[in-house]
């Protein structure tokens, strides 16, 4: 199914698709690029609320900080493990 883009960049969402998605006149919709396509969904979807509250702490920032901490901890543990292996080799103790 193809449609022509109007002079203002507007397209009509086919009625069957609007009905399937529950989109009615006056509803808000979100658009995003999905590879070489454009996707659309009703904006009452919770994901459309992302970033709408200014000044709120970012959960993504918290998660990234936690992942950095975990990575540093693992790197420290691995470095200690490698050091213990080299200590065992130099001391003649079996690993």
Foldseek 3Di string as FASTA:
>chain_A
DDFDQDPVRDTDDDPVVCVVQVNDPPFDKDWDDDPPDIDIHTCVPPVNCPPVDPPDDDVVVVVVVVVVVVVVVVVVVVVVVVVVVVVCVVVVHDD
